[in-house]
Amino acid sequence: MELSVFIQKKTDDVSAKLFGVTKRTASSWRRMERAPSPMQSLKIIERSEGVVDWKGIYQPYVRYRSKELRKRE
């Protein structure tokens, strides 16, 4: 599952507590303003019990950012 979808379903508050980050950080991941660090990603995978995986964290983020860059060109 994509991280942004997971956070949207769980809410920013619940996700922040689950992943040990601030609500603002969870919110920025949901909106794809920034991606988690590799160590944060490992924690996300572990604490989501594998529901969110590496692909679900980084692939949507790269796809979204690539689309944003193309819009600017």
PDB file of N, CA and C in Angstrom:
ATOM      1  N   MET A   1       0.838  -1.175   0.000  1.00  0.00           N
ATOM      2  CA  MET A   1       0.000   0.000   0.000  1.00  0.00           C
ATOM      3  C   MET A   1       0.890   1.247   0.000  1.00  0.00           C
ATOM      4  N   GLU A   2       0.403   2.280  -0.665  1.00  0.00           N
ATOM      5  CA  GLU A   2       1.146   3.532  -0.690  1.00  0.00           C
ATOM      6  C   GLU A   2       1.074   4.204   0.680  1.00  0.00           C
ATOM      7  N   LEU A   3       2.178   4.820   1.074  1.00  0.00           N
ATOM      8  CA  LEU A   3       2.240   5.483   2.370  1.00  0.00           C
ATOM      9  C   LEU A   3       1.178   6.562   2.498  1.00  0.00           C
ATOM     10  N   SER A   4       0.992   7.374   1.475  1.00  0.00           N
ATOM     11  CA  SER A   4       0.009   8.459   1.554  1.00  0.00           C
ATOM     12  C   SER A   4      -1.405   7.919   1.767  1.00  0.00           C
ATOM     13  N   VAL A   5      -1.717   6.801   1.149  1.00  0.00           N
ATOM     14  CA  VAL A   5      -3.039   6.178   1.315  1.00  0.00           C
ATOM     15  C   VAL A   5      -3.181   5.631   2.731  1.00  0.00           C
ATOM     16  N   PHE A   6      -2.132   4.997   3.217  1.00  0.00           N
ATOM     17  CA  PHE A   6      -2.130   4.452   4.581  1.00  0.00           C
ATOM     18  C   PHE A   6      -2.390   5.569   5.594  1.00  0.00           C
ATOM     19  N   ILE A   7      -1.676   6.678   5.441  1.00  0.00           N
ATOM     20  CA  ILE A   7      -1.834   7.797   6.374  1.00  0.00           C
ATOM     21  C   ILE A   7      -3.232   8.394   6.248  1.00  0.00           C
ATOM     22  N   GLN A   8      -3.730   8.509   5.040  1.00  0.00           N
ATOM     23  CA  GLN A   8      -5.070   9.055   4.830  1.00  0.00           C
ATOM     24  C   GLN A   8      -6.116   8.191   5.528  1.00  0.00           C
ATOM     25  N   LYS A   9      -5.972   6.882   5.446  1.00  0.00           N
ATOM     26  CA  LYS A   9      -6.928   5.973   6.080  1.00  0.00           C
ATOM     27  C   LYS A   9      -6.833   6.013   7.597  1.00  0.00           C
ATOM     28  N   LYS A  10      -5.605   6.107   8.119  1.00  0.00           N
ATOM     29  CA  LYS A  10      -5.392   6.076   9.568  1.00  0.00           C
ATOM     30  C   LYS A  10      -5.539   7.448  10.223  1.00  0.00           C
ATOM     31  N   THR A  11      -5.399   8.509   9.481  1.00  0.00           N
ATOM     32  CA  THR A  11      -5.357   9.921   9.892  1.00  0.00           C
ATOM     33  C   THR A  11      -3.926  10.316  10.242  1.00  0.00           C
ATOM     34  N   ASP A  12      -3.672  11.607  10.132  1.00  0.00           N
ATOM     35  CA  ASP A  12      -2.343  12.139  10.433  1.00  0.00           C
ATOM     36  C   ASP A  12      -1.962  11.879  11.889  1.00  0.00           C
ATOM     37  N   ASP A  13      -2.904  12.099  12.803  1.00  0.00           N
ATOM     38  CA  ASP A  13      -2.621  11.921  14.234  1.00  0.00           C
ATOM     39  C   ASP A  13      -2.214  10.486  14.565  1.00  0.00           C
ATOM     40  N   VAL A  14      -3.017   9.546  14.131  1.00  0.00           N
ATOM     41  CA  VAL A  14      -2.751   8.134  14.426  1.00  0.00           C
ATOM     42  C   VAL A  14      -1.444   7.687  13.778  1.00  0.00           C
ATOM     43  N   SER A  15      -1.219   8.078  12.539  1.00  0.00           N
ATOM     44  CA  SER A  15       0.003   7.707  11.827  1.00  0.00           C
ATOM     45  C   SER A  15       1.226   8.300  12.500  1.00  0.00           C
ATOM     46  N   ALA A  16       1.133   9.545  12.929  1.00  0.00           N
ATOM     47  CA  ALA A  16       2.260  10.196  13.605  1.00  0.00           C
ATOM     48  C   ALA A  16       2.646   9.428  14.863  1.00  0.00           C
ATOM     49  N   LYS A  17       1.666   9.048  15.646  1.00  0.00           N
ATOM     50  CA  LYS A  17       1.939   8.285  16.872  1.00  0.00           C
ATOM     51  C   LYS A  17       2.515   6.917  16.539  1.00  0.00           C
ATOM     52  N   LEU A  18       1.953   6.255  15.542  1.00  0.00           N
ATOM     53  CA  LEU A  18       2.411   4.930  15.145  1.00  0.00           C
ATOM     54  C   LEU A  18       3.865   4.950  14.681  1.00  0.00           C
ATOM     55  N   PHE A  19       4.235   5.979  13.909  1.00  0.00           N
ATOM     56  CA  PHE A  19       5.573   6.047  13.328  1.00  0.00           C
ATOM     57  C   PHE A  19       6.568   6.840  14.171  1.00  0.00           C
ATOM     58  N   GLY A  20       6.092   7.447  15.268  1.00  0.00           N
ATOM     59  CA  GLY A  20       6.990   8.185  16.151  1.00  0.00           C
ATOM     60  C   GLY A  20       7.485   9.500  15.557  1.00  0.00           C
ATOM     61  N   VAL A  21       6.607  10.196  14.842  1.00  0.00           N
ATOM     62  CA  VAL A  21       6.944  11.491  14.231  1.00  0.00           C
ATOM     63  C   VAL A  21       5.869  12.503  14.617  1.00  0.00           C
ATOM     64  N   THR A  22       6.090  13.758  14.253  1.00  0.00           N
ATOM     65  CA  THR A  22       5.082  14.776  14.517  1.00  0.00           C
ATOM     66  C   THR A  22       3.922  14.643  13.531  1.00  0.00           C
ATOM     67  N   LYS A  23       2.802  15.243  13.911  1.00  0.00           N
ATOM     68  CA  LYS A  23       1.638  15.247  13.019  1.00  0.00           C
ATOM     69  C   LYS A  23       1.993  15.965  11.720  1.00  0.00           C
ATOM     70  N   ARG A  24       2.769  17.033  11.813  1.00  0.00           N
ATOM     71  CA  ARG A  24       3.184  17.794  10.624  1.00  0.00           C
ATOM     72  C   ARG A  24       3.992  16.922   9.674  1.00  0.00           C
ATOM     73  N   THR A  25       4.872  16.087  10.221  1.00  0.00           N
ATOM     74  CA  THR A  25       5.677  15.197   9.379  1.00  0.00           C
ATOM     75  C   THR A  25       4.790  14.189   8.665  1.00  0.00           C
ATOM     76  N   ALA A  26       3.882  13.560   9.407  1.00  0.00           N
ATOM     77  CA  ALA A  26       2.953  12.606   8.785  1.00  0.00           C
ATOM     78  C   ALA A  26       2.129  13.289   7.699  1.00  0.00           C
ATOM     79  N   SER A  27       1.705  14.500   7.974  1.00  0.00           N
ATOM     80  CA  SER A  27       0.927  15.265   7.004  1.00  0.00           C
ATOM     81  C   SER A  27       1.742  15.566   5.743  1.00  0.00           C
ATOM     82  N   SER A  28       3.009  15.906   5.914  1.00  0.00           N
ATOM     83  CA  SER A  28       3.851  16.215   4.743  1.00  0.00           C
ATOM     84  C   SER A  28       4.118  14.958   3.913  1.00  0.00           C
ATOM     85  N   TRP A  29       4.196  13.794   4.547  1.00  0.00           N
ATOM     86  CA  TRP A  29       4.349  12.549   3.800  1.00  0.00           C
ATOM     87  C   TRP A  29       3.057  12.248   3.024  1.00  0.00           C
ATOM     88  N   ARG A  30       1.922  12.467   3.666  1.00  0.00           N
ATOM     89  CA  ARG A  30       0.636  12.199   3.015  1.00  0.00           C
ATOM     90  C   ARG A  30       0.465  13.074   1.777  1.00  0.00           C
ATOM     91  N   ARG A  31       0.875  14.333   1.882  1.00  0.00           N
ATOM     92  CA  ARG A  31       0.747  15.261   0.756  1.00  0.00           C
ATOM     93  C   ARG A  31       1.929  15.188  -0.209  1.00  0.00           C
ATOM     94  N   MET A  32       2.877  14.312   0.081  1.00  0.00           N
ATOM     95  CA  MET A  32       4.076  14.092  -0.739  1.00  0.00           C
ATOM     96  C   MET A  32       4.922  15.351  -0.885  1.00  0.00           C
ATOM     97  N   GLU A  33       4.952  16.152   0.154  1.00  0.00           N
ATOM     98  CA  GLU A  33       5.829  17.321   0.179  1.00  0.00           C
ATOM     99  C   GLU A  33       7.280  16.879   0.382  1.00  0.00           C
ATOM    100  N   ARG A  34       7.434  15.771   1.079  1.00  0.00           N
ATOM    101  CA  ARG A  34       8.760  15.180   1.259  1.00  0.00           C
ATOM    102  C   ARG A  34       8.606  13.698   1.556  1.00  0.00           C
ATOM    103  N   ALA A  35       9.705  12.980   1.377  1.00  0.00           N
ATOM    104  CA  ALA A  35       9.704  11.527   1.598  1.00  0.00           C
ATOM    105  C   ALA A  35      10.425  11.218   2.911  1.00  0.00           C
ATOM    106  N   PRO A  36      10.063  10.118   3.553  1.00  0.00           N
ATOM    107  CA  PRO A  36      10.762   9.715   4.764  1.00  0.00           C
ATOM    108  C   PRO A  36      12.213   9.334   4.455  1.00  0.00           C
ATOM    109  N   SER A  37      13.069   9.488   5.439  1.00  0.00           N
ATOM    110  CA  SER A  37      14.450   9.026   5.296  1.00  0.00           C
ATOM    111  C   SER A  37      14.447   7.498   5.259  1.00  0.00           C
ATOM    112  N   PRO A  38      15.537   6.893   4.823  1.00  0.00           N
ATOM    113  CA  PRO A  38      15.586   5.420   4.829  1.00  0.00           C
ATOM    114  C   PRO A  38      15.336   4.810   6.203  1.00  0.00           C
ATOM    115  N   MET A  39      15.859   5.422   7.261  1.00  0.00           N
ATOM    116  CA  MET A  39      15.632   4.876   8.605  1.00  0.00           C
ATOM    117  C   MET A  39      14.170   5.049   9.026  1.00  0.00           C
ATOM    118  N   GLN A  40      13.565   6.171   8.683  1.00  0.00           N
ATOM    119  CA  GLN A  40      12.147   6.367   8.964  1.00  0.00           C
ATOM    120  C   GLN A  40      11.314   5.365   8.170  1.00  0.00           C
ATOM    121  N   SER A  41      11.719   5.108   6.937  1.00  0.00           N
ATOM    122  CA  SER A  41      11.000   4.152   6.093  1.00  0.00           C
ATOM    123  C   SER A  41      11.035   2.754   6.687  1.00  0.00           C
ATOM    124  N   LEU A  42      12.182   2.376   7.214  1.00  0.00           N
ATOM    125  CA  LEU A  42      12.296   1.062   7.856  1.00  0.00           C
ATOM    126  C   LEU A  42      11.324   0.958   9.028  1.00  0.00           C
ATOM    127  N   LYS A  43      11.234   2.013   9.816  1.00  0.00           N
ATOM    128  CA  LYS A  43      10.305   2.038  10.952  1.00  0.00           C
ATOM    129  C   LYS A  43       8.860   1.956  10.459  1.00  0.00           C
ATOM    130  N   ILE A  44       8.557   2.657   9.383  1.00  0.00           N
ATOM    131  CA  ILE A  44       7.203   2.634   8.811  1.00  0.00           C
ATOM    132  C   ILE A  44       6.831   1.216   8.380  1.00  0.00           C
ATOM    133  N   ILE A  45       7.754   0.558   7.697  1.00  0.00           N
ATOM    134  CA  ILE A  45       7.506  -0.811   7.234  1.00  0.00           C
ATOM    135  C   ILE A  45       7.273  -1.739   8.415  1.00  0.00           C
ATOM    136  N   GLU A  46       8.122  -1.626   9.433  1.00  0.00           N
ATOM    137  CA  GLU A  46       7.991  -2.480  10.616  1.00  0.00           C
ATOM    138  C   GLU A  46       6.686  -2.207  11.362  1.00  0.00           C
ATOM    139  N   ARG A  47       6.389  -0.933  11.597  1.00  0.00           N
ATOM    140  CA  ARG A  47       5.221  -0.591  12.415  1.00  0.00           C
ATOM    141  C   ARG A  47       3.898  -0.732  11.661  1.00  0.00           C
ATOM    142  N   SER A  48       3.956  -0.757  10.347  1.00  0.00           N
ATOM    143  CA  SER A  48       2.730  -1.020   9.572  1.00  0.00           C
ATOM    144  C   SER A  48       2.588  -2.521   9.329  1.00  0.00           C
ATOM    145  N   GLU A  49       3.518  -3.288   9.882  1.00  0.00           N
ATOM    146  CA  GLU A  49       3.536  -4.749   9.739  1.00  0.00           C
ATOM    147  C   GLU A  49       3.587  -5.168   8.276  1.00  0.00           C
ATOM    148  N   GLY A  50       4.340  -4.399   7.476  1.00  0.00           N
ATOM    149  CA  GLY A  50       4.541  -4.742   6.076  1.00  0.00           C
ATOM    150  C   GLY A  50       3.436  -4.297   5.135  1.00  0.00           C
ATOM    151  N   VAL A  51       2.400  -3.674   5.683  1.00  0.00           N
ATOM    152  CA  VAL A  51       1.314  -3.178   4.825  1.00  0.00           C
ATOM    153  C   VAL A  51       1.877  -2.132   3.867  1.00  0.00           C
ATOM    154  N   VAL A  52       2.741  -1.260   4.390  1.00  0.00           N
ATOM    155  CA  VAL A  52       3.466  -0.286   3.568  1.00  0.00           C
ATOM    156  C   VAL A  52       4.875  -0.841   3.383  1.00  0.00           C
ATOM    157  N   ASP A  53       5.348  -0.889   2.148  1.00  0.00           N
ATOM    158  CA  ASP A  53       6.703  -1.382   1.890  1.00  0.00           C
ATOM    159  C   ASP A  53       7.517  -0.291   1.183  1.00  0.00           C
ATOM    160  N   TRP A  54       8.777  -0.611   0.849  1.00  0.00           N
ATOM    161  CA  TRP A  54       9.669   0.360   0.215  1.00  0.00           C
ATOM    162  C   TRP A  54       9.036   0.944  -1.051  1.00  0.00           C
ATOM    163  N   LYS A  55       8.466   0.063  -1.838  1.00  0.00           N
ATOM    164  CA  LYS A  55       7.844   0.496  -3.092  1.00  0.00           C
ATOM    165  C   LYS A  55       6.674   1.442  -2.822  1.00  0.00           C
ATOM    166  N   GLY A  56       5.914   1.174  -1.797  1.00  0.00           N
ATOM    167  CA  GLY A  56       4.780   2.004  -1.434  1.00  0.00           C
ATOM    168  C   GLY A  56       5.176   3.352  -0.859  1.00  0.00           C
ATOM    169  N   ILE A  57       6.413   3.450  -0.413  1.00  0.00           N
ATOM    170  CA  ILE A  57       6.915   4.717   0.128  1.00  0.00           C
ATOM    171  C   ILE A  57       7.529   5.569  -0.970  1.00  0.00           C
ATOM    172  N   TYR A  58       8.454   4.993  -1.730  1.00  0.00           N
ATOM    173  CA  TYR A  58       9.247   5.807  -2.652  1.00  0.00           C
ATOM    174  C   TYR A  58       8.713   5.892  -4.084  1.00  0.00           C
ATOM    175  N   GLN A  59       8.108   4.849  -4.594  1.00  0.00           N
ATOM    176  CA  GLN A  59       7.634   4.891  -5.979  1.00  0.00           C
ATOM    177  C   GLN A  59       6.569   5.977  -6.202  1.00  0.00           C
ATOM    178  N   PRO A  60       5.560   6.091  -5.342  1.00  0.00           N
ATOM    179  CA  PRO A  60       4.571   7.165  -5.556  1.00  0.00           C
ATOM    180  C   PRO A  60       5.191   8.552  -5.426  1.00  0.00           C
ATOM    181  N   TYR A  61       6.136   8.698  -4.507  1.00  0.00           N
ATOM    182  CA  TYR A  61       6.789   9.989  -4.308  1.00  0.00           C
ATOM    183  C   TYR A  61       7.567  10.401  -5.558  1.00  0.00           C
ATOM    184  N   VAL A  62       8.322   9.474  -6.124  1.00  0.00           N
ATOM    185  CA  VAL A  62       9.096   9.763  -7.330  1.00  0.00           C
ATOM    186  C   VAL A  62       8.160  10.076  -8.497  1.00  0.00           C
ATOM    187  N   ARG A  63       7.096   9.304  -8.637  1.00  0.00           N
ATOM    188  CA  ARG A  63       6.125   9.538  -9.704  1.00  0.00           C
ATOM    189  C   ARG A  63       5.500  10.929  -9.564  1.00  0.00           C
ATOM    190  N   TYR A  64       5.108  11.300  -8.356  1.00  0.00           N
ATOM    191  CA  TYR A  64       4.499  12.604  -8.098  1.00  0.00           C
ATOM    192  C   TYR A  64       5.483  13.736  -8.381  1.00  0.00           C
ATOM    193  N   ARG A  65       6.710  13.609  -7.889  1.00  0.00           N
ATOM    194  CA  ARG A  65       7.718  14.653  -8.090  1.00  0.00           C
ATOM    195  C   ARG A  65       8.091  14.790  -9.559  1.00  0.00           C
ATOM    196  N   SER A  66       8.177  13.692 -10.274  1.00  0.00           N
ATOM    197  CA  SER A  66       8.493  13.743 -11.706  1.00  0.00           C
ATOM    198  C   SER A  66       7.412  14.489 -12.468  1.00  0.00           C
ATOM    199  N   LYS A  67       6.166  14.224 -12.111  1.00  0.00           N
ATOM    200  CA  LYS A  67       5.044  14.902 -12.746  1.00  0.00           C
ATOM    201  C   LYS A  67       5.081  16.399 -12.450  1.00  0.00           C
ATOM    202  N   GLU A  68       5.429  16.776 -11.236  1.00  0.00           N
ATOM    203  CA  GLU A  68       5.520  18.181 -10.848  1.00  0.00           C
ATOM    204  C   GLU A  68       6.645  18.882 -11.637  1.00  0.00           C
ATOM    205  N   LEU A  69       7.760  18.207 -11.813  1.00  0.00           N
ATOM    206  CA  LEU A  69       8.872  18.790 -12.567  1.00  0.00           C
ATOM    207  C   LEU A  69       8.491  19.007 -14.029  1.00  0.00           C
ATOM    208  N   ARG A  70       7.791  18.064 -14.625  1.00  0.00           N
ATOM    209  CA  ARG A  70       7.364  18.199 -16.026  1.00  0.00           C
ATOM    210  C   ARG A  70       6.407  19.372 -16.204  1.00  0.00           C
ATOM    211  N   LYS A  71       5.567  19.635 -15.207  1.00  0.00           N
ATOM    212  CA  LYS A  71       4.638  20.760 -15.269  1.00  0.00           C
ATOM    213  C   LYS A  71       5.400  22.092 -15.334  1.00  0.00           C
ATOM    214  N   ARG A  72       6.515  22.163 -14.667  1.00  0.00           N
ATOM    215  CA  ARG A  72       7.296  23.403 -14.583  1.00  0.00           C
ATOM    216  C   ARG A  72       8.105  23.681 -15.837  1.00  0.00           C
ATOM    217  N   GLU A  73       8.336  22.656 -16.617  1.00  0.00           N
ATOM    218  CA  GLU A  73       9.176  22.818 -17.823  1.00  0.00           C
ATOM    219  C   GLU A  73       8.412  23.419 -18.975  1.00  0.00           C
TER     220      GLU A  73
END
